[in-house]
Amino acid sequence: MSNDLRICFVGDSFVAGMGDPEVLGWSGRLTVDAHAAGVAPTAYNLGVRRQTSTDIAGRWQAECRQRLPREAQGRVVFSFGVNDTMQIDGRTRVATATSVVNLRAMLAGTHVESWPVLMVGPPPVDDAEHNRRTADLDERFGQVCAEHGVPYVSSCHRLAADTVWMEQVRAGDGAHPGTAGYTAFAELLLPHWREWLGY
């Protein structure tokens, strides 16, 4: 197996680390941890603000193919869903059934490419109704990942109970935390990340 480990983090503004003055977000912190352990992946942040699963489904494969050549050991981390469950004029931006279809298509695509996947569930925001919709989607996403044998890390309930995350979200734009919030998110993910990479 190639020692050229490359990982694409694909998703939305939470993947991009919006709101973090250290410009790391949770994905950058996971990458730092891997490097500190002697695992040195080339990490590509492919997070785009406001994008839904439909937007991401339309772009992810072409973007990953550019960064994960056959001779490399390519992997993909997906995370999205908060924008899907956002309501505009009384309707969610993406119906739950469509979000599930999008995820299934993405997982099928990674299987064809032989890219191992880690899926990170959508986090909570400062809106109880929005969070209820996200929690429903989170449950569906978990079921789909289980069917595909893909590790899934649910974050919405645990971060909703995390004082640091919620206080920082409220102090920010109502959705994105600062440094301490993203640190809390990364700490939740670290055990799963380390197991996924085997260190």
N, C-alpha and C. Protein backbone atom coordinates (compact mmCIF):
# COMPACT_ATOMS: atom_id res chain seq x y z
N MET A 1 0.84 -1.19 0.00
CA MET A 1 0.00 0.00 0.00
C MET A 1 0.88 1.25 0.00
N SER A 2 0.42 2.26 -0.71
CA SER A 2 1.18 3.51 -0.81
C SER A 2 1.28 4.21 0.53
N ASN A 3 2.44 4.86 0.78
CA ASN A 3 2.59 5.69 1.97
C ASN A 3 2.06 7.10 1.74
N ASP A 4 1.62 7.36 0.52
CA ASP A 4 1.08 8.67 0.15
C ASP A 4 -0.39 8.72 0.54
N LEU A 5 -0.62 9.03 1.82
CA LEU A 5 -1.99 9.09 2.35
C LEU A 5 -2.58 10.47 2.09
N ARG A 6 -3.72 10.48 1.41
CA ARG A 6 -4.41 11.74 1.11
C ARG A 6 -5.86 11.64 1.54
N ILE A 7 -6.35 12.68 2.19
CA ILE A 7 -7.71 12.66 2.73
C ILE A 7 -8.45 13.92 2.29
N CYS A 8 -9.60 13.73 1.70
CA CYS A 8 -10.47 14.85 1.34
C CYS A 8 -11.58 14.99 2.38
N PHE A 9 -11.69 16.18 2.96
CA PHE A 9 -12.79 16.50 3.86
C PHE A 9 -13.84 17.24 3.03
N VAL A 10 -14.99 16.60 2.82
CA VAL A 10 -15.98 17.11 1.88
C VAL A 10 -17.26 17.49 2.64
N GLY A 11 -17.72 18.72 2.44
CA GLY A 11 -18.95 19.10 3.11
C GLY A 11 -19.25 20.58 3.05
N ASP A 12 -19.71 21.09 4.20
CA ASP A 12 -20.26 22.44 4.27
C ASP A 12 -19.36 23.38 5.08
N SER A 13 -19.95 24.44 5.62
CA SER A 13 -19.19 25.46 6.35
C SER A 13 -18.58 24.93 7.64
N PHE A 14 -19.19 23.92 8.25
CA PHE A 14 -18.62 23.33 9.46
C PHE A 14 -17.32 22.57 9.13
N VAL A 15 -17.29 21.95 7.96
CA VAL A 15 -16.06 21.31 7.49
C VAL A 15 -15.00 22.38 7.23
N ALA A 16 -15.43 23.49 6.64
CA ALA A 16 -14.51 24.58 6.33
C ALA A 16 -13.99 25.28 7.58
N GLY A 17 -14.68 25.08 8.72
CA GLY A 17 -14.25 25.71 9.97
C GLY A 17 -14.66 27.16 10.09
N MET A 18 -15.75 27.53 9.46
CA MET A 18 -16.22 28.91 9.52
C MET A 18 -16.42 29.35 10.97
N GLY A 19 -15.91 30.53 11.30
CA GLY A 19 -16.05 31.08 12.64
C GLY A 19 -14.84 30.84 13.52
N ASP A 20 -13.93 29.98 13.08
CA ASP A 20 -12.74 29.67 13.89
C ASP A 20 -11.61 30.63 13.54
N PRO A 21 -11.20 31.51 14.47
CA PRO A 21 -10.11 32.43 14.18
C PRO A 21 -8.78 31.74 13.94
N GLU A 22 -8.66 30.49 14.39
CA GLU A 22 -7.44 29.73 14.13
C GLU A 22 -7.47 29.04 12.76
N VAL A 23 -8.62 29.11 12.09
CA VAL A 23 -8.80 28.61 10.73
C VAL A 23 -8.49 27.11 10.62
N LEU A 24 -8.81 26.38 11.67
CA LEU A 24 -8.59 24.93 11.67
C LEU A 24 -9.90 24.15 11.62
N GLY A 25 -10.92 24.66 12.33
CA GLY A 25 -12.15 23.89 12.44
C GLY A 25 -11.88 22.53 13.06
N TRP A 26 -12.83 21.60 12.92
CA TRP A 26 -12.57 20.26 13.47
C TRP A 26 -11.69 19.44 12.54
N SER A 27 -11.82 19.66 11.23
CA SER A 27 -11.04 18.85 10.29
C SER A 27 -9.55 19.15 10.41
N GLY A 28 -9.19 20.43 10.57
CA GLY A 28 -7.79 20.78 10.75
C GLY A 28 -7.20 20.20 12.02
N ARG A 29 -8.00 20.18 13.08
CA ARG A 29 -7.53 19.64 14.36
C ARG A 29 -7.31 18.13 14.27
N LEU A 30 -8.16 17.43 13.55
CA LEU A 30 -7.95 15.99 13.35
C LEU A 30 -6.65 15.75 12.58
N THR A 31 -6.41 16.56 11.58
CA THR A 31 -5.20 16.42 10.78
C THR A 31 -3.96 16.69 11.62
N VAL A 32 -4.01 17.71 12.46
CA VAL A 32 -2.88 18.02 13.35
C VAL A 32 -2.60 16.83 14.27
N ASP A 33 -3.65 16.21 14.79
CA ASP A 33 -3.48 15.06 15.69
C ASP A 33 -2.80 13.90 14.96
N ALA A 34 -3.20 13.67 13.71
CA ALA A 34 -2.59 12.58 12.94
C ALA A 34 -1.11 12.84 12.71
N HIS A 35 -0.77 14.07 12.37
CA HIS A 35 0.64 14.41 12.14
C HIS A 35 1.45 14.24 13.43
N ALA A 36 0.86 14.63 14.56
CA ALA A 36 1.56 14.49 15.84
C ALA A 36 1.83 13.03 16.18
N ALA A 37 0.98 12.14 15.67
CA ALA A 37 1.13 10.70 15.93
C ALA A 37 2.03 10.01 14.89
N GLY A 38 2.56 10.80 13.96
CA GLY A 38 3.44 10.21 12.96
C GLY A 38 2.73 9.76 11.70
N VAL A 39 1.42 9.94 11.67
CA VAL A 39 0.65 9.68 10.45
C VAL A 39 0.55 11.03 9.75
N ALA A 40 1.03 11.11 8.53
CA ALA A 40 1.15 12.43 7.89
C ALA A 40 0.32 12.53 6.61
N PRO A 41 -0.99 12.63 6.74
CA PRO A 41 -1.80 12.73 5.53
C PRO A 41 -1.70 14.10 4.87
N THR A 42 -1.83 14.11 3.58
CA THR A 42 -2.09 15.37 2.88
C THR A 42 -3.60 15.58 2.96
N ALA A 43 -4.01 16.66 3.59
CA ALA A 43 -5.44 16.91 3.81
C ALA A 43 -5.95 18.02 2.89
N TYR A 44 -7.09 17.77 2.29
CA TYR A 44 -7.73 18.75 1.42
C TYR A 44 -9.08 19.13 2.02
N ASN A 45 -9.26 20.41 2.33
CA ASN A 45 -10.54 20.86 2.87
C ASN A 45 -11.44 21.30 1.72
N LEU A 46 -12.50 20.55 1.51
CA LEU A 46 -13.44 20.82 0.43
C LEU A 46 -14.81 21.20 0.99
N GLY A 47 -14.77 22.00 2.08
CA GLY A 47 -16.00 22.50 2.67
C GLY A 47 -16.44 23.79 1.99
N VAL A 48 -17.73 23.89 1.66
CA VAL A 48 -18.28 25.07 0.99
C VAL A 48 -19.51 25.57 1.76
N ARG A 49 -19.49 26.84 2.11
CA ARG A 49 -20.59 27.43 2.88
C ARG A 49 -21.93 27.29 2.18
N ARG A 50 -22.95 27.04 2.99
CA ARG A 50 -24.35 26.98 2.58
C ARG A 50 -24.70 25.79 1.68
N GLN A 51 -23.75 24.92 1.40
CA GLN A 51 -24.07 23.83 0.49
C GLN A 51 -24.86 22.72 1.16
N THR A 52 -25.82 22.20 0.41
CA THR A 52 -26.63 21.07 0.84
C THR A 52 -26.03 19.77 0.31
N SER A 53 -26.62 18.66 0.71
CA SER A 53 -26.15 17.37 0.20
C SER A 53 -26.31 17.28 -1.32
N THR A 54 -27.32 17.96 -1.86
CA THR A 54 -27.52 17.96 -3.31
C THR A 54 -26.38 18.69 -4.01
N ASP A 55 -25.98 19.84 -3.45
CA ASP A 55 -24.85 20.58 -4.01
C ASP A 55 -23.57 19.73 -3.96
N ILE A 56 -23.35 19.11 -2.81
CA ILE A 56 -22.13 18.34 -2.60
C ILE A 56 -22.11 17.09 -3.47
N ALA A 57 -23.27 16.45 -3.62
CA ALA A 57 -23.36 15.26 -4.48
C ALA A 57 -22.97 15.57 -5.91
N GLY A 58 -23.20 16.81 -6.33
CA GLY A 58 -22.90 17.19 -7.69
C GLY A 58 -21.45 17.52 -7.96
N ARG A 59 -20.66 17.71 -6.90
CA ARG A 59 -19.28 18.15 -7.12
C ARG A 59 -18.21 17.25 -6.53
N TRP A 60 -18.56 16.46 -5.53
CA TRP A 60 -17.53 15.82 -4.71
C TRP A 60 -16.61 14.89 -5.50
N GLN A 61 -17.19 14.12 -6.42
CA GLN A 61 -16.39 13.08 -7.07
C GLN A 61 -15.31 13.68 -7.97
N ALA A 62 -15.66 14.67 -8.74
CA ALA A 62 -14.68 15.32 -9.61
C ALA A 62 -13.58 15.97 -8.79
N GLU A 63 -13.96 16.60 -7.67
CA GLU A 63 -12.97 17.26 -6.83
C GLU A 63 -12.04 16.25 -6.16
N CYS A 64 -12.59 15.15 -5.71
CA CYS A 64 -11.76 14.14 -5.05
C CYS A 64 -10.85 13.42 -6.04
N ARG A 65 -11.34 13.18 -7.23
CA ARG A 65 -10.49 12.51 -8.23
C ARG A 65 -9.25 13.32 -8.55
N GLN A 66 -9.37 14.65 -8.52
CA GLN A 66 -8.22 15.50 -8.77
C GLN A 66 -7.17 15.37 -7.67
N ARG A 67 -7.60 15.02 -6.49
CA ARG A 67 -6.72 15.02 -5.31
C ARG A 67 -6.32 13.63 -4.83
N LEU A 68 -7.05 12.62 -5.29
CA LEU A 68 -6.79 11.25 -4.84
C LEU A 68 -6.48 10.36 -6.04
N PRO A 69 -5.27 10.48 -6.59
CA PRO A 69 -4.91 9.65 -7.75
C PRO A 69 -4.81 8.19 -7.36
N ARG A 70 -4.88 7.34 -8.34
CA ARG A 70 -4.89 5.89 -8.11
C ARG A 70 -3.68 5.42 -7.30
N GLU A 71 -2.53 6.04 -7.54
CA GLU A 71 -1.30 5.58 -6.86
C GLU A 71 -1.24 6.01 -5.40
N ALA A 72 -2.13 6.90 -4.98
CA ALA A 72 -2.16 7.35 -3.58
C ALA A 72 -3.12 6.49 -2.77
N GLN A 73 -2.97 6.58 -1.46
CA GLN A 73 -3.91 5.93 -0.54
C GLN A 73 -4.98 6.97 -0.20
N GLY A 74 -6.04 6.98 -0.97
CA GLY A 74 -7.07 8.00 -0.83
C GLY A 74 -8.16 7.63 0.15
N ARG A 75 -8.61 8.62 0.91
CA ARG A 75 -9.73 8.46 1.84
C ARG A 75 -10.61 9.70 1.79
N VAL A 76 -11.86 9.54 2.23
CA VAL A 76 -12.81 10.66 2.20
C VAL A 76 -13.56 10.76 3.52
N VAL A 77 -13.66 11.99 4.04
CA VAL A 77 -14.51 12.29 5.19
C VAL A 77 -15.65 13.16 4.69
N PHE A 78 -16.88 12.70 4.89
CA PHE A 78 -18.06 13.47 4.51
C PHE A 78 -18.70 14.07 5.76
N SER A 79 -19.24 15.28 5.62
CA SER A 79 -20.06 15.85 6.69
C SER A 79 -20.95 16.94 6.11
N PHE A 80 -22.25 16.76 6.29
CA PHE A 80 -23.23 17.73 5.78
C PHE A 80 -24.59 17.43 6.40
N GLY A 81 -25.56 18.30 6.15
CA GLY A 81 -26.92 18.04 6.62
C GLY A 81 -27.61 19.23 7.25
N VAL A 82 -26.85 20.13 7.90
CA VAL A 82 -27.48 21.28 8.56
C VAL A 82 -28.17 22.17 7.53
N ASN A 83 -27.55 22.35 6.37
CA ASN A 83 -28.18 23.18 5.34
C ASN A 83 -29.37 22.48 4.70
N ASP A 84 -29.35 21.16 4.67
CA ASP A 84 -30.50 20.41 4.16
C ASP A 84 -31.74 20.67 5.01
N THR A 85 -31.54 20.71 6.33
CA THR A 85 -32.69 20.82 7.25
C THR A 85 -33.06 22.26 7.57
N MET A 86 -32.36 23.22 6.99
CA MET A 86 -32.72 24.63 7.15
C MET A 86 -34.04 24.90 6.43
N GLN A 87 -34.90 25.68 7.06
CA GLN A 87 -36.17 26.01 6.42
C GLN A 87 -36.12 27.39 5.77
N ILE A 88 -36.65 27.47 4.57
CA ILE A 88 -36.83 28.74 3.86
C ILE A 88 -38.27 28.78 3.37
N ASP A 89 -39.00 29.82 3.77
CA ASP A 89 -40.41 29.96 3.42
C ASP A 89 -41.22 28.72 3.82
N GLY A 90 -40.90 28.17 5.00
CA GLY A 90 -41.68 27.08 5.55
C GLY A 90 -41.34 25.70 5.02
N ARG A 91 -40.32 25.61 4.16
CA ARG A 91 -39.94 24.31 3.61
C ARG A 91 -38.45 24.08 3.81
N THR A 92 -38.10 22.83 4.10
CA THR A 92 -36.68 22.52 4.24
C THR A 92 -36.02 22.63 2.86
N ARG A 93 -34.74 23.00 2.86
CA ARG A 93 -34.05 23.19 1.59
C ARG A 93 -33.94 21.88 0.81
N VAL A 94 -33.77 20.77 1.53
CA VAL A 94 -33.73 19.45 0.89
C VAL A 94 -34.60 18.50 1.71
N ALA A 95 -35.48 17.78 1.05
CA ALA A 95 -36.32 16.80 1.75
C ALA A 95 -35.44 15.67 2.30
N THR A 96 -35.84 15.13 3.43
CA THR A 96 -35.06 14.07 4.07
C THR A 96 -34.81 12.90 3.12
N ALA A 97 -35.84 12.51 2.39
CA ALA A 97 -35.68 11.37 1.47
C ALA A 97 -34.62 11.67 0.42
N THR A 98 -34.57 12.92 -0.03
CA THR A 98 -33.57 13.30 -1.04
C THR A 98 -32.17 13.31 -0.43
N SER A 99 -32.06 13.80 0.81
CA SER A 99 -30.77 13.79 1.50
C SER A 99 -30.23 12.36 1.61
N VAL A 100 -31.12 11.43 1.92
CA VAL A 100 -30.73 10.02 2.05
C VAL A 100 -30.28 9.45 0.70
N VAL A 101 -31.01 9.78 -0.36
CA VAL A 101 -30.63 9.34 -1.71
C VAL A 101 -29.25 9.89 -2.07
N ASN A 102 -29.01 11.16 -1.74
CA ASN A 102 -27.72 11.78 -2.03
C ASN A 102 -26.58 11.06 -1.30
N LEU A 103 -26.81 10.77 -0.02
CA LEU A 103 -25.78 10.07 0.74
C LEU A 103 -25.51 8.69 0.17
N ARG A 104 -26.56 7.96 -0.15
CA ARG A 104 -26.38 6.62 -0.74
C ARG A 104 -25.54 6.69 -2.02
N ALA A 105 -25.83 7.69 -2.85
CA ALA A 105 -25.10 7.83 -4.10
C ALA A 105 -23.62 8.14 -3.85
N MET A 106 -23.36 8.97 -2.86
CA MET A 106 -21.97 9.31 -2.54
C MET A 106 -21.22 8.10 -2.00
N LEU A 107 -21.86 7.34 -1.14
CA LEU A 107 -21.20 6.15 -0.60
C LEU A 107 -20.96 5.11 -1.69
N ALA A 108 -21.90 5.00 -2.61
CA ALA A 108 -21.71 4.07 -3.73
C ALA A 108 -20.53 4.53 -4.58
N GLY A 109 -20.40 5.84 -4.76
CA GLY A 109 -19.29 6.38 -5.54
C GLY A 109 -17.95 6.13 -4.90
N THR A 110 -17.87 6.28 -3.59
CA THR A 110 -16.59 6.02 -2.92
C THR A 110 -16.24 4.53 -2.97
N HIS A 111 -17.25 3.68 -2.94
CA HIS A 111 -17.01 2.24 -3.03
C HIS A 111 -16.39 1.89 -4.38
N VAL A 112 -16.93 2.48 -5.45
CA VAL A 112 -16.40 2.24 -6.79
C VAL A 112 -14.94 2.68 -6.87
N GLU A 113 -14.63 3.80 -6.22
CA GLU A 113 -13.26 4.34 -6.25
C GLU A 113 -12.33 3.66 -5.25
N SER A 114 -12.89 2.80 -4.39
CA SER A 114 -12.12 2.12 -3.32
C SER A 114 -11.53 3.11 -2.33
N TRP A 115 -12.29 4.16 -2.00
CA TRP A 115 -11.87 5.14 -1.00
C TRP A 115 -12.61 4.85 0.31
N PRO A 116 -11.90 4.48 1.37
CA PRO A 116 -12.56 4.33 2.67
C PRO A 116 -13.19 5.66 3.11
N VAL A 117 -14.32 5.56 3.79
CA VAL A 117 -15.08 6.76 4.18
C VAL A 117 -15.31 6.80 5.69
N LEU A 118 -15.23 8.01 6.22
CA LEU A 118 -15.70 8.31 7.58
C LEU A 118 -16.77 9.38 7.42
N MET A 119 -17.93 9.16 8.01
CA MET A 119 -19.03 10.12 7.91
C MET A 119 -19.26 10.77 9.27
N VAL A 120 -19.26 12.11 9.28
CA VAL A 120 -19.49 12.89 10.50
C VAL A 120 -20.87 13.52 10.41
N GLY A 121 -21.70 13.24 11.38
CA GLY A 121 -23.06 13.75 11.36
C GLY A 121 -23.15 15.25 11.60
N PRO A 122 -24.26 15.86 11.18
CA PRO A 122 -24.44 17.31 11.30
C PRO A 122 -24.58 17.76 12.76
N PRO A 123 -23.95 18.89 13.11
CA PRO A 123 -24.01 19.40 14.48
C PRO A 123 -25.25 20.27 14.73
N PRO A 124 -25.52 20.60 15.99
CA PRO A 124 -26.66 21.45 16.32
C PRO A 124 -26.34 22.94 16.16
N VAL A 125 -27.41 23.72 15.99
CA VAL A 125 -27.29 25.17 15.93
C VAL A 125 -28.16 25.76 17.05
N ASP A 126 -28.28 27.08 17.09
CA ASP A 126 -29.06 27.72 18.15
C ASP A 126 -30.52 27.90 17.71
N ASP A 127 -31.17 26.77 17.43
CA ASP A 127 -32.56 26.77 16.97
C ASP A 127 -33.12 25.38 17.24
N ALA A 128 -33.98 25.28 18.24
CA ALA A 128 -34.47 23.97 18.69
C ALA A 128 -35.23 23.22 17.60
N GLU A 129 -36.07 23.93 16.84
CA GLU A 129 -36.84 23.26 15.78
C GLU A 129 -35.91 22.75 14.68
N HIS A 130 -34.94 23.57 14.30
CA HIS A 130 -33.96 23.15 13.30
C HIS A 130 -33.20 21.92 13.80
N ASN A 131 -32.84 21.93 15.06
CA ASN A 131 -32.09 20.80 15.63
C ASN A 131 -32.92 19.52 15.64
N ARG A 132 -34.23 19.63 15.84
CA ARG A 132 -35.07 18.44 15.80
C ARG A 132 -35.07 17.82 14.40
N ARG A 133 -35.14 18.68 13.39
CA ARG A 133 -35.09 18.17 12.02
C ARG A 133 -33.72 17.54 11.73
N THR A 134 -32.67 18.19 12.23
CA THR A 134 -31.32 17.66 12.02
C THR A 134 -31.15 16.31 12.72
N ALA A 135 -31.71 16.18 13.92
CA ALA A 135 -31.62 14.92 14.66
C ALA A 135 -32.31 13.79 13.90
N ASP A 136 -33.44 14.08 13.26
CA ASP A 136 -34.13 13.06 12.45
C ASP A 136 -33.25 12.64 11.27
N LEU A 137 -32.64 13.63 10.62
CA LEU A 137 -31.76 13.32 9.49
C LEU A 137 -30.54 12.55 9.95
N ASP A 138 -30.00 12.94 11.09
CA ASP A 138 -28.85 12.26 11.68
C ASP A 138 -29.14 10.77 11.87
N GLU A 139 -30.33 10.46 12.35
CA GLU A 139 -30.70 9.06 12.56
C GLU A 139 -30.75 8.30 11.24
N ARG A 140 -31.31 8.93 10.22
CA ARG A 140 -31.38 8.29 8.90
C ARG A 140 -29.98 8.09 8.32
N PHE A 141 -29.14 9.10 8.46
CA PHE A 141 -27.77 9.00 7.95
C PHE A 141 -27.03 7.84 8.64
N GLY A 142 -27.24 7.71 9.94
CA GLY A 142 -26.61 6.63 10.68
C GLY A 142 -27.03 5.27 10.16
N GLN A 143 -28.31 5.14 9.84
CA GLN A 143 -28.83 3.87 9.31
C GLN A 143 -28.22 3.54 7.95
N VAL A 144 -28.11 4.56 7.09
CA VAL A 144 -27.55 4.35 5.76
C VAL A 144 -26.08 3.94 5.86
N CYS A 145 -25.34 4.60 6.72
CA CYS A 145 -23.93 4.27 6.87
C CYS A 145 -23.75 2.86 7.42
N ALA A 146 -24.62 2.46 8.34
CA ALA A 146 -24.55 1.10 8.88
C ALA A 146 -24.80 0.07 7.78
N GLU A 147 -25.75 0.37 6.91
CA GLU A 147 -26.04 -0.54 5.79
C GLU A 147 -24.84 -0.68 4.86
N HIS A 148 -24.06 0.39 4.73
CA HIS A 148 -22.91 0.39 3.82
C HIS A 148 -21.60 0.02 4.52
N GLY A 149 -21.66 -0.26 5.82
CA GLY A 149 -20.45 -0.60 6.56
C GLY A 149 -19.49 0.57 6.72
N VAL A 150 -20.05 1.77 6.77
CA VAL A 150 -19.25 2.99 6.88
C VAL A 150 -19.36 3.53 8.31
N PRO A 151 -18.23 3.83 8.96
CA PRO A 151 -18.31 4.39 10.31
C PRO A 151 -18.99 5.75 10.31
N TYR A 152 -19.92 5.92 11.25
CA TYR A 152 -20.69 7.16 11.35
C TYR A 152 -20.57 7.71 12.76
N VAL A 153 -20.24 8.99 12.86
CA VAL A 153 -20.12 9.63 14.16
C VAL A 153 -21.23 10.68 14.29
N SER A 154 -22.21 10.38 15.11
CA SER A 154 -23.29 11.32 15.36
C SER A 154 -22.80 12.43 16.29
N SER A 155 -23.13 13.66 15.96
CA SER A 155 -22.66 14.78 16.80
C SER A 155 -23.78 15.63 17.37
N CYS A 156 -24.97 15.57 16.78
CA CYS A 156 -25.99 16.57 17.14
C CYS A 156 -26.42 16.50 18.60
N HIS A 157 -26.65 15.31 19.13
CA HIS A 157 -27.12 15.22 20.52
C HIS A 157 -25.99 15.53 21.51
N ARG A 158 -24.80 15.02 21.22
CA ARG A 158 -23.70 15.24 22.16
C ARG A 158 -23.26 16.69 22.20
N LEU A 159 -23.22 17.34 21.04
CA LEU A 159 -22.83 18.75 21.04
C LEU A 159 -23.94 19.65 21.58
N ALA A 160 -25.20 19.22 21.43
CA ALA A 160 -26.30 20.00 22.02
C ALA A 160 -26.20 20.02 23.54
N ALA A 161 -25.58 18.97 24.09
CA ALA A 161 -25.40 18.89 25.54
C ALA A 161 -24.05 19.44 25.98
N ASP A 162 -23.26 19.92 25.02
CA ASP A 162 -21.93 20.45 25.32
C ASP A 162 -22.03 21.96 25.54
N THR A 163 -21.78 22.40 26.76
CA THR A 163 -21.93 23.81 27.12
C THR A 163 -21.05 24.72 26.27
N VAL A 164 -19.82 24.30 26.05
CA VAL A 164 -18.88 25.13 25.29
C VAL A 164 -19.37 25.32 23.86
N TRP A 165 -19.76 24.23 23.21
CA TRP A 165 -20.25 24.33 21.83
C TRP A 165 -21.44 25.28 21.74
N MET A 166 -22.46 25.05 22.58
CA MET A 166 -23.69 25.83 22.47
C MET A 166 -23.47 27.30 22.84
N GLU A 167 -22.65 27.57 23.84
CA GLU A 167 -22.39 28.96 24.21
C GLU A 167 -21.67 29.68 23.09
N GLN A 168 -20.73 28.99 22.44
CA GLN A 168 -20.00 29.64 21.35
C GLN A 168 -20.87 29.84 20.12
N VAL A 169 -21.76 28.91 19.85
CA VAL A 169 -22.69 29.06 18.73
C VAL A 169 -23.58 30.27 18.96
N ARG A 170 -24.09 30.40 20.18
CA ARG A 170 -24.95 31.55 20.50
C ARG A 170 -24.19 32.87 20.43
N ALA A 171 -22.93 32.84 20.84
CA ALA A 171 -22.11 34.05 20.83
C ALA A 171 -21.68 34.42 19.41
N GLY A 172 -21.73 33.46 18.51
CA GLY A 172 -21.33 33.70 17.13
C GLY A 172 -22.52 34.08 16.27
N ASP A 173 -22.69 33.38 15.16
CA ASP A 173 -23.78 33.72 14.23
C ASP A 173 -25.01 32.84 14.42
N GLY A 174 -25.03 32.08 15.52
CA GLY A 174 -26.17 31.21 15.77
C GLY A 174 -25.99 29.80 15.22
N ALA A 175 -24.89 29.59 14.50
CA ALA A 175 -24.62 28.27 13.92
C ALA A 175 -23.18 27.82 14.13
N HIS A 176 -22.24 28.74 13.94
CA HIS A 176 -20.83 28.38 13.95
C HIS A 176 -20.15 28.85 15.23
N PRO A 177 -19.36 27.98 15.86
CA PRO A 177 -18.65 28.36 17.08
C PRO A 177 -17.30 28.99 16.75
N GLY A 178 -16.55 29.29 17.81
CA GLY A 178 -15.18 29.73 17.67
C GLY A 178 -14.23 28.58 17.94
N THR A 179 -13.02 28.92 18.33
CA THR A 179 -11.96 27.93 18.52
C THR A 179 -12.34 26.85 19.53
N ALA A 180 -12.84 27.25 20.69
CA ALA A 180 -13.15 26.27 21.74
C ALA A 180 -14.26 25.31 21.30
N GLY A 181 -15.23 25.82 20.55
CA GLY A 181 -16.31 24.96 20.07
C GLY A 181 -15.81 23.91 19.09
N TYR A 182 -14.97 24.34 18.16
CA TYR A 182 -14.42 23.37 17.20
C TYR A 182 -13.48 22.38 17.88
N THR A 183 -12.80 22.84 18.94
CA THR A 183 -11.96 21.92 19.71
C THR A 183 -12.82 20.84 20.35
N ALA A 184 -13.98 21.24 20.90
CA ALA A 184 -14.90 20.26 21.50
C ALA A 184 -15.40 19.27 20.46
N PHE A 185 -15.71 19.76 19.27
CA PHE A 185 -16.18 18.90 18.18
C PHE A 185 -15.07 17.91 17.81
N ALA A 186 -13.84 18.40 17.67
CA ALA A 186 -12.72 17.53 17.31
C ALA A 186 -12.48 16.46 18.37
N GLU A 187 -12.61 16.83 19.63
CA GLU A 187 -12.39 15.86 20.71
C GLU A 187 -13.43 14.74 20.67
N LEU A 188 -14.65 15.09 20.29
CA LEU A 188 -15.70 14.08 20.13
C LEU A 188 -15.33 13.10 19.01
N LEU A 189 -14.72 13.63 17.96
CA LEU A 189 -14.41 12.82 16.78
C LEU A 189 -13.12 12.02 16.89
N LEU A 190 -12.18 12.49 17.72
CA LEU A 190 -10.83 11.92 17.74
C LEU A 190 -10.77 10.40 17.90
N PRO A 191 -11.48 9.79 18.84
CA PRO A 191 -11.38 8.32 18.98
C PRO A 191 -11.77 7.59 17.69
N HIS A 192 -12.78 8.09 17.01
CA HIS A 192 -13.27 7.46 15.78
C HIS A 192 -12.27 7.70 14.64
N TRP A 193 -11.72 8.89 14.59
CA TRP A 193 -10.71 9.26 13.60
C TRP A 193 -9.47 8.39 13.74
N ARG A 194 -9.00 8.23 14.97
CA ARG A 194 -7.80 7.42 15.20
C ARG A 194 -8.05 5.96 14.84
N GLU A 195 -9.21 5.46 15.18
CA GLU A 195 -9.54 4.08 14.83
C GLU A 195 -9.61 3.91 13.32
N TRP A 196 -10.20 4.88 12.64
CA TRP A 196 -10.36 4.83 11.18
C TRP A 196 -9.01 4.81 10.47
N LEU A 197 -8.06 5.59 11.01
CA LEU A 197 -6.72 5.65 10.41
C LEU A 197 -5.76 4.62 10.99
N GLY A 198 -6.15 4.00 12.10
CA GLY A 198 -5.34 2.93 12.67
C GLY A 198 -4.10 3.39 13.41
N TYR A 199 -4.25 4.42 14.24
CA TYR A 199 -3.11 4.85 15.06
C TYR A 199 -3.54 5.13 16.49
